[in-house]
Amino acid sequence: MIASTPARLLAPLLVPLLALAAACAGPGLPAGFAAAAANAPEDWPLRLWLDGDRVVAAAAGVGPGGLPQAVRTSIDAVAPGGELQFAGREWSAAGDGYRVDKHYVDGADESFRSALIAADGAVLERSHSVPIGKVPAPVVTAALTVGRDVRRCEIVADAAQETGWRATVTDGAGRSFVATIGLQGGLRSVYRIVNARLGLLSR
């Protein structure tokens, strides 16, 4: 098991050419995703969460300058400081908003915080990593049913309370998965997550 920032999630060219209409971003992709993807910073790949052959969530980078002021204010409150790893629009079951991921280093210790913030600044979801050695055994056991290496475990909360755990896991082929796990350790769902490169028809 590895208590560190997960390895880069790499994917080859996922779709050689994907023509997306303004009102519909294609099968399984949310409306508005195509426009966000076309304007995403070059150095921040798009994110797709896959459940079988379905896209269940998607995110496109906007960069720190693309975050609304209300979002920046909320992020400074729930995840101050740190090194910005990702800032982008996200469409998921947790809601439509802006996802911000941050990495923290304190001496030999590393940690991770993530938040999904609505455009008006409301906190839809937030999480922080917990060292693997301090994660409850039933949670780690559930994560290990998905793959052989648990890269990170986060405790997840909505605006009111903690709701469960999220584990990033890799299998023997190096593929990365996100497992959602109950507070007491029951496995809820497993998604394949990839950083994608899309070809968008521009004319």
Protein backbone atom coordinates (compact mmCIF):
# COMPACT_ATOMS: atom_id res chain seq x y z
CA MET A 1 0.00 0.00 0.00
CA ILE A 2 1.21 3.49 -0.82
CA ALA A 3 0.40 6.59 1.23
CA SER A 4 1.36 9.21 -1.30
CA THR A 5 0.01 11.33 -4.10
CA PRO A 6 -1.28 8.92 -6.80
CA ALA A 7 0.75 8.26 -9.91
CA ARG A 8 -0.22 10.28 -12.96
CA LEU A 9 -3.28 8.84 -14.63
CA LEU A 10 -2.28 8.49 -18.23
CA ALA A 11 -4.47 7.69 -21.21
CA PRO A 12 -3.67 7.70 -24.92
CA LEU A 13 -5.78 9.71 -27.33
CA LEU A 14 -9.20 8.64 -26.10
CA VAL A 15 -11.21 9.84 -29.09
CA PRO A 16 -9.44 10.74 -32.34
CA LEU A 17 -12.17 13.15 -33.31
CA LEU A 18 -15.27 14.02 -31.31
CA ALA A 19 -17.73 16.47 -32.84
CA LEU A 20 -19.91 17.91 -30.10
CA ALA A 21 -23.01 20.03 -30.58
CA ALA A 22 -23.56 23.03 -28.34
CA ALA A 23 -26.73 21.65 -26.80
CA CYS A 24 -25.43 18.13 -26.26
CA ALA A 25 -21.86 17.12 -25.62
CA GLY A 26 -22.38 13.62 -27.01
CA PRO A 27 -23.52 10.30 -25.53
CA GLY A 28 -22.90 10.25 -21.80
CA LEU A 29 -21.23 13.66 -21.72
CA PRO A 30 -22.93 16.65 -20.05
CA ALA A 31 -24.17 19.69 -21.93
CA GLY A 32 -21.57 22.41 -21.69
CA PHE A 33 -18.66 19.98 -21.50
CA ALA A 34 -17.58 20.54 -25.12
CA ALA A 35 -17.26 24.30 -24.70
CA ALA A 36 -15.37 23.87 -21.44
CA ALA A 37 -13.09 21.26 -22.99
CA ALA A 38 -12.30 23.49 -25.96
CA ASN A 39 -11.13 26.25 -23.61
CA ALA A 40 -9.28 24.06 -21.09
CA PRO A 41 -5.61 24.85 -20.39
CA GLU A 42 -3.29 22.72 -22.49
CA ASP A 43 -1.37 21.35 -19.48
CA TRP A 44 -4.47 20.12 -17.59
CA PRO A 45 -6.03 17.06 -19.28
CA LEU A 46 -9.74 16.47 -19.15
CA ARG A 47 -11.06 14.01 -16.59
CA LEU A 48 -13.61 11.29 -17.22
CA TRP A 49 -15.13 8.87 -14.70
CA LEU A 50 -16.31 5.66 -16.37
CA ASP A 51 -18.75 3.01 -15.16
CA GLY A 52 -18.56 0.26 -17.76
CA ASP A 53 -19.35 1.96 -21.06
CA ARG A 54 -20.97 4.99 -19.41
CA VAL A 55 -19.42 8.35 -18.61
CA VAL A 56 -20.76 9.15 -15.12
CA ALA A 57 -18.78 12.33 -14.42
CA ALA A 58 -16.53 14.72 -16.31
CA ALA A 59 -14.30 17.69 -15.60
CA ALA A 60 -12.47 20.24 -17.73
CA GLY A 61 -9.72 22.49 -16.41
CA VAL A 62 -10.23 26.24 -16.23
CA GLY A 63 -7.03 27.25 -14.47
CA PRO A 64 -6.92 29.42 -11.34
CA GLY A 65 -7.92 32.51 -13.32
CA GLY A 66 -11.13 30.81 -14.45
CA LEU A 67 -12.59 30.35 -10.98
CA PRO A 68 -15.40 32.75 -10.03
CA GLN A 69 -14.64 35.01 -7.08
CA ALA A 70 -17.22 33.25 -4.89
CA VAL A 71 -15.50 29.92 -5.58
CA ARG A 72 -12.05 31.32 -4.76
CA THR A 73 -13.38 32.70 -1.48
CA SER A 74 -14.84 29.32 -0.48
CA ILE A 75 -11.68 27.45 -1.46
CA ASP A 76 -9.57 29.79 0.66
CA ALA A 77 -11.84 28.90 3.59
CA VAL A 78 -12.00 25.11 3.21
CA ALA A 79 -8.57 24.46 1.66
CA PRO A 80 -6.25 27.39 2.36
CA GLY A 81 -2.70 27.45 1.00
CA GLY A 82 -1.24 24.36 -0.61
CA GLU A 83 -0.08 23.68 -4.15
CA LEU A 84 -2.83 23.83 -6.76
CA GLN A 85 -3.03 20.58 -8.74
CA PHE A 86 -6.30 21.09 -10.59
CA ALA A 87 -9.01 23.70 -10.98
CA GLY A 88 -11.89 23.07 -13.36
CA ARG A 89 -15.58 22.66 -14.08
CA GLU A 90 -17.01 19.36 -12.95
CA TRP A 91 -20.28 17.62 -13.67
CA SER A 92 -20.96 14.70 -11.32
CA ALA A 93 -23.46 13.14 -8.94
CA ALA A 94 -22.18 15.53 -6.26
CA GLY A 95 -23.36 18.46 -8.37
CA ASP A 96 -22.27 20.86 -11.09
CA GLY A 97 -19.54 23.17 -9.92
CA TYR A 98 -15.82 23.84 -9.77
CA ARG A 99 -13.41 21.16 -8.59
CA VAL A 100 -10.20 22.30 -6.90
CA ASP A 101 -7.48 19.85 -5.82
CA LYS A 102 -4.53 20.87 -3.64
CA HIS A 103 -1.37 19.13 -2.45
CA TYR A 104 0.27 19.94 0.88
CA VAL A 105 3.75 19.21 2.19
CA ASP A 106 4.70 19.58 5.85
CA GLY A 107 8.21 18.28 6.32
CA ALA A 108 8.12 14.59 5.47
CA ASP A 109 4.31 14.51 5.51
CA GLU A 110 2.16 14.97 2.40
CA SER A 111 -1.59 15.42 2.21
CA PHE A 112 -4.34 16.21 -0.26
CA ARG A 113 -7.51 18.27 -0.16
CA SER A 114 -10.28 18.53 -2.72
CA ALA A 115 -13.50 20.52 -2.90
CA LEU A 116 -16.41 20.89 -5.30
CA ILE A 117 -17.84 24.40 -5.08
CA ALA A 118 -20.95 25.75 -6.80
CA ALA A 119 -20.64 28.95 -8.83
CA ASP A 120 -22.27 30.89 -5.98
CA GLY A 121 -19.66 29.64 -3.49
CA ALA A 122 -21.75 26.92 -1.83
CA VAL A 123 -19.67 23.90 -0.80
CA LEU A 124 -21.12 20.82 -2.51
CA GLU A 125 -18.42 18.39 -1.41
CA ARG A 126 -15.02 18.44 0.26
CA SER A 127 -12.47 15.83 1.21
CA HIS A 128 -9.05 15.43 2.76
CA SER A 129 -6.61 12.56 2.69
CA VAL A 130 -5.86 10.39 5.70
CA PRO A 131 -2.55 8.48 6.05
CA ILE A 132 -3.13 4.87 5.02
CA GLY A 133 -1.96 3.64 8.42
CA LYS A 134 -4.71 5.67 10.11
CA VAL A 135 -7.55 4.62 7.80
CA PRO A 136 -9.96 2.15 9.45
CA ALA A 137 -9.11 -1.44 8.48
CA PRO A 138 -12.56 -2.18 6.96
CA VAL A 139 -12.12 0.78 4.59
CA VAL A 140 -8.69 -0.41 3.43
CA THR A 141 -10.01 -3.95 3.04
CA ALA A 142 -12.84 -2.71 0.84
CA ALA A 143 -10.41 -0.67 -1.27
CA LEU A 144 -8.14 -3.69 -1.77
CA THR A 145 -10.99 -5.60 -3.40
CA VAL A 146 -10.65 -3.14 -6.30
CA GLY A 147 -6.88 -3.31 -6.87
CA ARG A 148 -3.62 -4.26 -5.28
CA ASP A 149 -2.29 -0.79 -4.36
CA VAL A 150 -4.25 1.77 -2.35
CA ARG A 151 -2.71 5.07 -3.39
CA ARG A 152 -4.85 7.45 -1.36
CA CYS A 153 -7.83 7.43 0.99
CA GLU A 154 -9.93 10.53 1.58
CA ILE A 155 -12.73 11.18 4.03
CA VAL A 156 -15.55 12.87 2.11
CA ALA A 157 -18.17 15.29 3.42
CA ASP A 158 -21.04 17.31 1.99
CA ALA A 159 -22.02 20.71 3.34
CA ALA A 160 -23.37 19.18 6.56
CA GLN A 161 -21.52 16.00 7.51
CA GLU A 162 -19.08 13.26 6.60
CA THR A 163 -20.62 10.90 4.05
CA GLY A 164 -17.99 8.24 3.37
CA TRP A 165 -14.55 7.46 2.02
CA ARG A 166 -13.02 7.76 -1.43
CA ALA A 167 -10.02 5.57 -2.31
CA THR A 168 -7.74 5.84 -5.33
CA VAL A 169 -6.57 2.35 -6.23
CA THR A 170 -4.38 0.85 -8.98
CA ASP A 171 -4.54 -2.70 -10.29
CA GLY A 172 -1.77 -4.93 -11.61
CA ALA A 173 -2.01 -3.35 -15.06
CA GLY A 174 -1.43 0.14 -13.63
CA ARG A 175 -5.01 1.27 -14.25
CA SER A 176 -6.48 3.71 -11.74
CA PHE A 177 -9.89 3.39 -10.12
CA VAL A 178 -11.86 5.41 -7.60
CA ALA A 179 -13.80 3.43 -5.03
CA THR A 180 -16.48 5.03 -2.89
CA ILE A 181 -16.76 3.36 0.50
CA GLY A 182 -19.14 3.76 3.43
CA LEU A 183 -18.04 5.21 6.72
CA GLN A 184 -18.02 1.70 8.20
CA GLY A 185 -16.25 0.13 5.25
CA GLY A 186 -18.87 -1.19 2.80
CA LEU A 187 -17.95 -0.80 -0.88
CA ARG A 188 -20.50 1.43 -2.65
CA SER A 189 -19.21 1.92 -6.18
CA VAL A 190 -16.13 1.67 -8.37
CA TYR A 191 -15.25 3.96 -11.26
CA ARG A 192 -12.41 3.89 -13.75
CA ILE A 193 -10.84 7.35 -13.96
CA VAL A 194 -8.77 8.59 -16.89
CA ASN A 195 -7.17 11.82 -17.94
CA ALA A 196 -8.38 12.19 -21.51
CA ARG A 197 -7.32 14.04 -24.61
CA LEU A 198 -10.18 14.87 -26.96
CA GLY A 199 -10.08 16.10 -30.51
CA LEU A 200 -12.77 18.79 -30.91
CA LEU A 201 -14.10 19.77 -34.34
CA SER A 202 -13.50 23.52 -34.51
CA ARG A 203 -14.80 24.31 -38.00
